[in-house]
Amino acid sequence: MKILIADDDQISRMITKAAVEQSGHECIVAVDGDSAWQLYKEHSPEAVVTDLMMPGLNGLDLCRAIRAAEKDRYTYVILVTSHGSRKDVLAGMEAGADDYVTKPLDPFSLHIRLLAAQRITSLHADLARYRSALSEQARTDPLTKLHNRLKLAEDLGALHSGGVTGHNYCLAMVDVDNFKSYNDIYGHQAGDAALVAIASTLASEVRKSDAVYRFGGEEFLLVLRDQEAPGARMVMERVRSAVQSLRIEHSGDPDGVLTISAGISAFTDGHRAGTEQLLREADLALYASKASGRNRVSLADALHSE
């Protein structure tokens, strides 16, 4: 483990540092509470061994600061007191400490507490990984491995709340043409395989700064950052052509292969619409593509001008 020692007494620091290193851990040393807080933020130690009374932040204040700063990680805090009074121990626990030792420090007592700290921090690290995995799973479409509508809603919300007024972007609603008849002819297993292939193609044809989501069924949604409508149309024409080039046979389609249609809405200086309106506009543009014969891309701007 990486362990931060905070103590303003040089002898105590040396004894604690020797005990920590003898236990096989990496050691970071602070001479007061303020420097301990800075080192904590820089190095993110798994455990902190802090004196109760120090210049600047005392041990209780340091405990409170650490607990307030923690998110998906946990720091094990051991408070060092001069005499281990019940009042000091209780105050330390209420401030967020996990355990305590008394001065003069007994290396064996500290070693035992560091073993406990290693187990506790390891468990918290495992829980954080599990939470992260579950969070990602909840935001991922299980078939295509693209992000889903939950993630889309979060990303669009963040895009707008993060000062999007200075940036243009486009939404592209995509639908697989005649997909119901494809499932009827070739079966749902083949339909799933086709969706996976198309999803992979969509993702591979856009920039890393863009994002692709499964919107539902055979519908996908693309967020094209820093794009205006003409540039977004060029991107989606390339995407449309790439899907057609997959040559996924579809005897029920006039083109003989699976194709996609797309509708694009734009968030620009002259059109600072909300996300729901942009989604509606992209959907209407997609409907226009379908009504015009499918396997094409339409702009919501063009619908407005008509």
Protein backbone atom coordinates (compact mmCIF):
# COMPACT_ATOMS: atom_id res chain seq x y z
CA MET A 1 0.00 0.00 0.00
CA LYS A 2 0.92 3.64 -0.34
CA ILE A 3 0.74 5.17 3.14
CA LEU A 4 0.83 8.82 4.14
CA ILE A 5 2.35 9.68 7.53
CA ALA A 6 1.46 13.07 9.04
CA ASP A 7 3.25 14.15 12.22
CA ASP A 8 4.98 17.38 13.22
CA ASP A 9 7.36 15.59 15.61
CA GLN A 10 10.52 14.42 13.85
CA ILE A 11 11.21 11.47 16.16
CA SER A 12 7.63 10.21 15.86
CA ARG A 13 7.81 10.53 12.06
CA MET A 14 11.01 8.50 11.93
CA ILE A 15 9.59 5.74 14.16
CA THR A 16 6.34 5.57 12.18
CA LYS A 17 8.14 5.63 8.82
CA ALA A 18 10.43 2.79 9.90
CA ALA A 19 7.46 0.72 11.09
CA VAL A 20 5.52 1.31 7.86
CA GLU A 21 8.48 0.40 5.64
CA GLN A 22 9.26 -2.64 7.77
CA SER A 23 5.71 -3.81 7.04
CA GLY A 24 6.51 -3.63 3.32
CA HIS A 25 4.61 -0.49 2.36
CA GLU A 26 5.52 2.64 0.42
CA CYS A 27 5.79 5.72 2.62
CA ILE A 28 4.98 9.41 2.07
CA VAL A 29 5.82 11.82 4.90
CA ALA A 30 4.21 15.15 5.84
CA VAL A 31 5.46 17.48 8.58
CA ASP A 32 2.07 19.10 9.32
CA GLY A 33 -1.63 18.86 8.50
CA ASP A 34 -1.62 21.30 5.59
CA SER A 35 1.21 19.56 3.74
CA ALA A 36 -0.45 16.20 4.52
CA TRP A 37 -3.62 17.37 2.79
CA GLN A 38 -1.68 18.46 -0.29
CA LEU A 39 0.22 15.16 -0.42
CA TYR A 40 -3.03 13.25 -0.02
CA LYS A 41 -4.51 15.01 -3.07
CA GLU A 42 -1.35 14.44 -5.11
CA HIS A 43 -0.67 10.78 -4.25
CA SER A 44 -4.08 9.26 -3.27
CA PRO A 45 -2.66 6.93 -0.58
CA GLU A 46 -4.57 3.85 0.50
CA ALA A 47 -3.97 4.62 4.19
CA VAL A 48 -3.10 7.63 6.35
CA VAL A 49 -1.41 7.52 9.75
CA THR A 50 -1.92 10.95 11.27
CA ASP A 51 -1.09 12.59 14.57
CA LEU A 52 -4.02 14.12 16.40
CA MET A 53 -2.39 17.46 17.21
CA MET A 54 -0.50 19.23 14.39
CA PRO A 55 0.02 22.77 13.06
CA GLY A 56 -2.41 23.77 10.32
CA LEU A 57 -4.99 21.04 9.86
CA ASN A 58 -5.07 18.83 12.93
CA GLY A 59 -5.72 15.11 12.71
CA LEU A 60 -9.50 15.51 13.05
CA ASP A 61 -9.67 18.17 10.32
CA LEU A 62 -7.54 16.00 8.05
CA CYS A 63 -9.91 13.06 8.61
CA ARG A 64 -12.92 15.19 7.74
CA ALA A 65 -11.24 16.56 4.60
CA ILE A 66 -10.35 13.06 3.41
CA ARG A 67 -13.85 11.72 3.94
CA ALA A 68 -15.40 14.70 2.15
CA ALA A 69 -13.09 14.22 -0.85
CA GLU A 70 -13.64 10.48 -1.32
CA LYS A 71 -15.81 9.21 -4.15
CA ASP A 72 -15.25 5.70 -5.51
CA ARG A 73 -12.23 4.97 -3.32
CA TYR A 74 -11.69 4.55 0.40
CA THR A 75 -8.75 5.68 2.54
CA TYR A 76 -8.09 3.88 5.81
CA VAL A 77 -7.24 6.46 8.49
CA ILE A 78 -5.32 5.60 11.66
CA LEU A 79 -5.23 8.34 14.28
CA VAL A 80 -2.19 8.65 16.57
CA THR A 81 -2.93 10.06 20.03
CA SER A 82 -0.60 10.92 22.89
CA HIS A 83 -2.52 9.15 25.60
CA GLY A 84 -5.50 7.47 23.98
CA SER A 85 -8.16 9.14 26.07
CA ARG A 86 -11.72 8.07 25.38
CA LYS A 87 -12.60 11.63 24.43
CA ASP A 88 -9.83 11.79 21.79
CA VAL A 89 -10.63 8.33 20.41
CA LEU A 90 -14.35 9.13 20.14
CA ALA A 91 -13.65 12.47 18.47
CA GLY A 92 -11.37 10.72 15.97
CA MET A 93 -13.93 8.07 15.09
CA GLU A 94 -16.66 10.68 14.68
CA ALA A 95 -14.36 12.66 12.37
CA GLY A 96 -13.89 9.60 10.12
CA ALA A 97 -10.90 7.69 11.51
CA ASP A 98 -11.00 3.89 11.26
CA ASP A 99 -8.64 3.02 14.12
CA TYR A 100 -6.13 4.54 16.52
CA VAL A 101 -2.75 3.89 18.12
CA THR A 102 -1.12 5.62 21.05
CA LYS A 103 2.29 7.15 21.56
CA PRO A 104 4.94 5.94 22.03
CA LEU A 105 4.16 3.97 18.88
CA ASP A 106 4.39 0.19 19.06
CA PRO A 107 5.49 -1.08 15.60
CA PHE A 108 3.64 -4.37 16.12
CA SER A 109 0.36 -2.55 16.89
CA LEU A 110 0.75 -0.46 13.75
CA HIS A 111 1.60 -3.53 11.67
CA ILE A 112 -1.63 -5.25 12.79
CA ARG A 113 -3.68 -2.17 11.91
CA LEU A 114 -2.04 -1.90 8.50
CA LEU A 115 -3.02 -5.52 7.78
CA ALA A 116 -6.62 -4.57 8.54
CA ALA A 117 -6.25 -1.46 6.40
CA GLN A 118 -5.03 -3.54 3.46
CA ARG A 119 -8.03 -5.84 3.66
CA ILE A 120 -10.55 -3.00 3.99
CA THR A 121 -9.12 -0.89 1.18
CA SER A 122 -8.89 -3.96 -1.07
CA LEU A 123 -12.58 -4.71 -0.46
CA HIS A 124 -13.52 -1.11 -1.23
CA ALA A 125 -11.47 -1.22 -4.44
CA ASP A 126 -13.29 -4.40 -5.50
CA LEU A 127 -16.67 -2.81 -4.75
CA ALA A 128 -15.73 0.27 -6.77
CA ARG A 129 -14.82 -1.93 -9.75
CA TYR A 130 -18.10 -3.85 -9.44
CA ARG A 131 -20.09 -0.60 -9.26
CA SER A 132 -18.29 0.73 -12.31
CA ALA A 133 -18.94 -2.47 -14.24
CA LEU A 134 -22.63 -2.46 -13.29
CA SER A 135 -22.94 1.20 -14.23
CA GLU A 136 -21.39 0.52 -17.63
CA GLN A 137 -23.60 -2.53 -18.12
CA ALA A 138 -26.72 -0.47 -17.37
CA ARG A 139 -25.68 1.99 -20.09
CA THR A 140 -24.70 -0.55 -22.76
CA ASP A 141 -26.91 -2.33 -25.25
CA PRO A 142 -26.30 -6.07 -24.69
CA LEU A 143 -26.57 -7.01 -28.37
CA THR A 144 -24.56 -4.37 -30.21
CA LYS A 145 -22.37 -3.25 -27.26
CA LEU A 146 -23.16 0.35 -28.18
CA HIS A 147 -24.35 2.77 -25.52
CA ASN A 148 -28.10 2.79 -24.94
CA ARG A 149 -30.78 5.47 -24.47
CA LEU A 150 -29.95 5.93 -20.78
CA LYS A 151 -26.38 6.85 -21.68
CA LEU A 152 -27.64 9.02 -24.55
CA ALA A 153 -29.88 11.01 -22.20
CA GLU A 154 -26.96 11.51 -19.79
CA ASP A 155 -24.55 12.54 -22.53
CA LEU A 156 -26.98 14.99 -24.13
CA GLY A 157 -27.74 16.46 -20.71
CA ALA A 158 -24.04 16.87 -20.00
CA LEU A 159 -23.48 18.36 -23.44
CA HIS A 160 -26.00 21.11 -22.75
CA SER A 161 -25.22 21.71 -19.08
CA GLY A 162 -21.52 21.97 -19.90
CA GLY A 163 -21.87 25.21 -21.85
CA VAL A 164 -22.84 23.81 -25.23
CA THR A 165 -23.94 27.27 -26.41
CA GLY A 166 -20.49 27.82 -27.87
CA HIS A 167 -20.39 24.55 -29.83
CA ASN A 168 -22.33 23.17 -32.75
CA TYR A 169 -23.32 19.53 -33.05
CA CYS A 170 -25.71 17.36 -35.03
CA LEU A 171 -27.95 14.42 -34.25
CA ALA A 172 -28.42 11.72 -36.87
CA MET A 173 -31.32 9.31 -36.44
CA VAL A 174 -30.69 6.08 -38.36
CA ASP A 175 -33.12 3.28 -39.21
CA VAL A 176 -32.43 -0.02 -41.00
CA ASP A 177 -34.63 -0.15 -44.11
CA ASN A 178 -37.24 -2.91 -44.40
CA PHE A 179 -35.88 -4.65 -41.34
CA LYS A 180 -39.16 -6.29 -40.35
CA SER A 181 -39.31 -8.13 -43.67
CA TYR A 182 -35.65 -9.10 -43.20
CA ASN A 183 -36.50 -10.75 -39.88
CA ASP A 184 -39.54 -12.43 -41.46
CA ILE A 185 -37.45 -13.86 -44.30
CA TYR A 186 -34.16 -14.74 -42.57
CA GLY A 187 -35.14 -15.11 -38.90
CA HIS A 188 -34.37 -13.13 -35.77
CA GLN A 189 -30.94 -14.70 -35.30
CA ALA A 190 -29.87 -13.38 -38.68
CA GLY A 191 -31.52 -10.08 -37.82
CA ASP A 192 -29.47 -9.79 -34.64
CA ALA A 193 -26.27 -10.57 -36.57
CA ALA A 194 -27.14 -7.88 -39.12
CA LEU A 195 -27.72 -5.30 -36.38
CA VAL A 196 -24.35 -6.13 -34.84
CA ALA A 197 -22.61 -5.72 -38.19
CA ILE A 198 -24.36 -2.42 -38.90
CA ALA A 199 -23.63 -1.10 -35.39
CA SER A 200 -19.95 -1.90 -35.83
CA THR A 201 -19.93 -0.11 -39.18
CA LEU A 202 -21.59 3.00 -37.74
CA ALA A 203 -19.04 3.16 -34.94
CA SER A 204 -16.09 2.66 -37.27
CA GLU A 205 -17.13 5.38 -39.72
CA VAL A 206 -17.24 8.28 -37.24
CA ARG A 207 -14.58 10.10 -35.21
CA LYS A 208 -13.62 9.20 -31.66
CA SER A 209 -15.18 12.46 -30.51
CA ASP A 210 -18.54 11.36 -31.96
CA ALA A 211 -20.83 8.83 -30.31
CA VAL A 212 -23.16 6.07 -31.54
CA TYR A 213 -26.12 4.71 -29.55
CA ARG A 214 -28.70 2.04 -30.08
CA PHE A 215 -31.92 4.01 -29.88
CA GLY A 216 -34.21 1.00 -29.96
CA GLY A 217 -35.04 -1.95 -32.24
CA GLU A 218 -33.38 -1.24 -35.56
CA GLU A 219 -32.87 2.47 -34.81
CA PHE A 220 -29.55 4.13 -33.95
CA LEU A 221 -28.65 7.67 -32.94
CA LEU A 222 -25.36 9.40 -33.72
CA VAL A 223 -24.08 12.52 -31.97
CA LEU A 224 -21.68 14.34 -34.29
CA ARG A 225 -19.75 16.96 -32.34
CA ASP A 226 -18.52 20.24 -33.81
CA GLN A 227 -20.49 19.66 -36.98
CA GLU A 228 -22.98 21.73 -38.92
CA ALA A 229 -25.63 20.24 -41.18
CA PRO A 230 -23.60 20.10 -44.45
CA GLY A 231 -20.65 18.37 -42.78
CA ALA A 232 -22.96 15.99 -40.92
CA ARG A 233 -24.66 15.09 -44.19
CA MET A 234 -21.30 14.19 -45.75
CA VAL A 235 -20.53 11.98 -42.74
CA MET A 236 -23.87 10.22 -42.91
CA GLU A 237 -23.65 9.68 -46.67
CA ARG A 238 -20.34 7.95 -46.03
CA VAL A 239 -21.94 5.89 -43.26
CA ARG A 240 -24.91 5.01 -45.48
CA SER A 241 -22.59 3.88 -48.26
CA ALA A 242 -20.48 1.81 -45.86
CA VAL A 243 -23.56 -0.06 -44.62
CA GLN A 244 -24.70 -0.75 -48.17
CA SER A 245 -21.20 -2.02 -48.96
CA LEU A 246 -21.60 -4.71 -46.31
CA ARG A 247 -23.75 -6.46 -48.94
CA ILE A 248 -26.00 -8.14 -46.38
CA GLU A 249 -28.41 -9.93 -48.68
CA HIS A 250 -32.07 -8.93 -48.37
CA SER A 251 -34.36 -10.35 -51.02
CA GLY A 252 -37.24 -8.25 -49.67
CA ASP A 253 -35.49 -4.93 -50.38
CA PRO A 254 -35.45 -3.24 -53.82
CA ASP A 255 -31.67 -2.85 -53.53
CA GLY A 256 -31.23 -6.54 -52.74
CA VAL A 257 -29.18 -5.74 -49.61
CA LEU A 258 -29.78 -4.17 -46.23
CA THR A 259 -29.55 -0.38 -46.28
CA ILE A 260 -30.14 2.46 -43.85
CA SER A 261 -31.94 5.78 -43.94
CA ALA A 262 -30.98 8.77 -41.82
CA GLY A 263 -32.37 12.09 -40.67
CA ILE A 264 -30.19 14.92 -39.34
CA SER A 265 -30.99 17.81 -37.02
CA ALA A 266 -28.47 20.51 -36.12
CA PHE A 267 -27.70 22.55 -33.02
CA THR A 268 -26.17 25.71 -34.46
CA ASP A 269 -25.87 29.43 -33.72
CA GLY A 270 -29.16 30.07 -35.45
CA HIS A 271 -30.94 27.08 -33.94
CA ARG A 272 -30.24 26.54 -30.22
CA ALA A 273 -33.02 23.99 -29.70
CA GLY A 274 -33.40 21.67 -26.73
CA THR A 275 -32.57 17.98 -26.98
CA GLU A 276 -36.19 16.82 -27.24
CA GLN A 277 -36.85 19.17 -30.14
CA LEU A 278 -33.62 18.11 -31.86
CA LEU A 279 -34.62 14.45 -31.49
CA ARG A 280 -38.06 15.19 -32.96
CA GLU A 281 -36.50 17.07 -35.87
CA ALA A 282 -34.08 14.22 -36.58
CA ASP A 283 -36.96 11.75 -36.45
CA LEU A 284 -39.02 13.85 -38.90
CA ALA A 285 -36.04 14.07 -41.24
CA LEU A 286 -35.66 10.28 -41.01
CA TYR A 287 -39.35 9.91 -41.90
CA ALA A 288 -38.73 12.13 -44.93
CA SER A 289 -35.90 9.81 -46.02
CA LYS A 290 -38.18 6.81 -45.69
CA ALA A 291 -41.00 8.52 -47.59
CA SER A 292 -38.62 9.48 -50.40
CA GLY A 293 -37.63 5.90 -51.11
CA ARG A 294 -35.25 4.87 -48.31
CA ASN A 295 -31.46 4.41 -48.47
CA ARG A 296 -30.89 8.15 -48.23
CA VAL A 297 -30.07 11.00 -45.87
CA SER A 298 -32.31 14.01 -45.20
CA LEU A 299 -31.72 17.24 -43.29
CA ALA A 300 -34.20 18.80 -40.91
CA ASP A 301 -33.04 22.19 -42.26
CA ALA A 302 -34.36 21.21 -45.67
CA LEU A 303 -37.76 20.43 -44.17
CA HIS A 304 -37.86 23.88 -42.51
CA SER A 305 -37.07 25.61 -45.81
CA GLU A 306 -39.89 23.75 -47.52
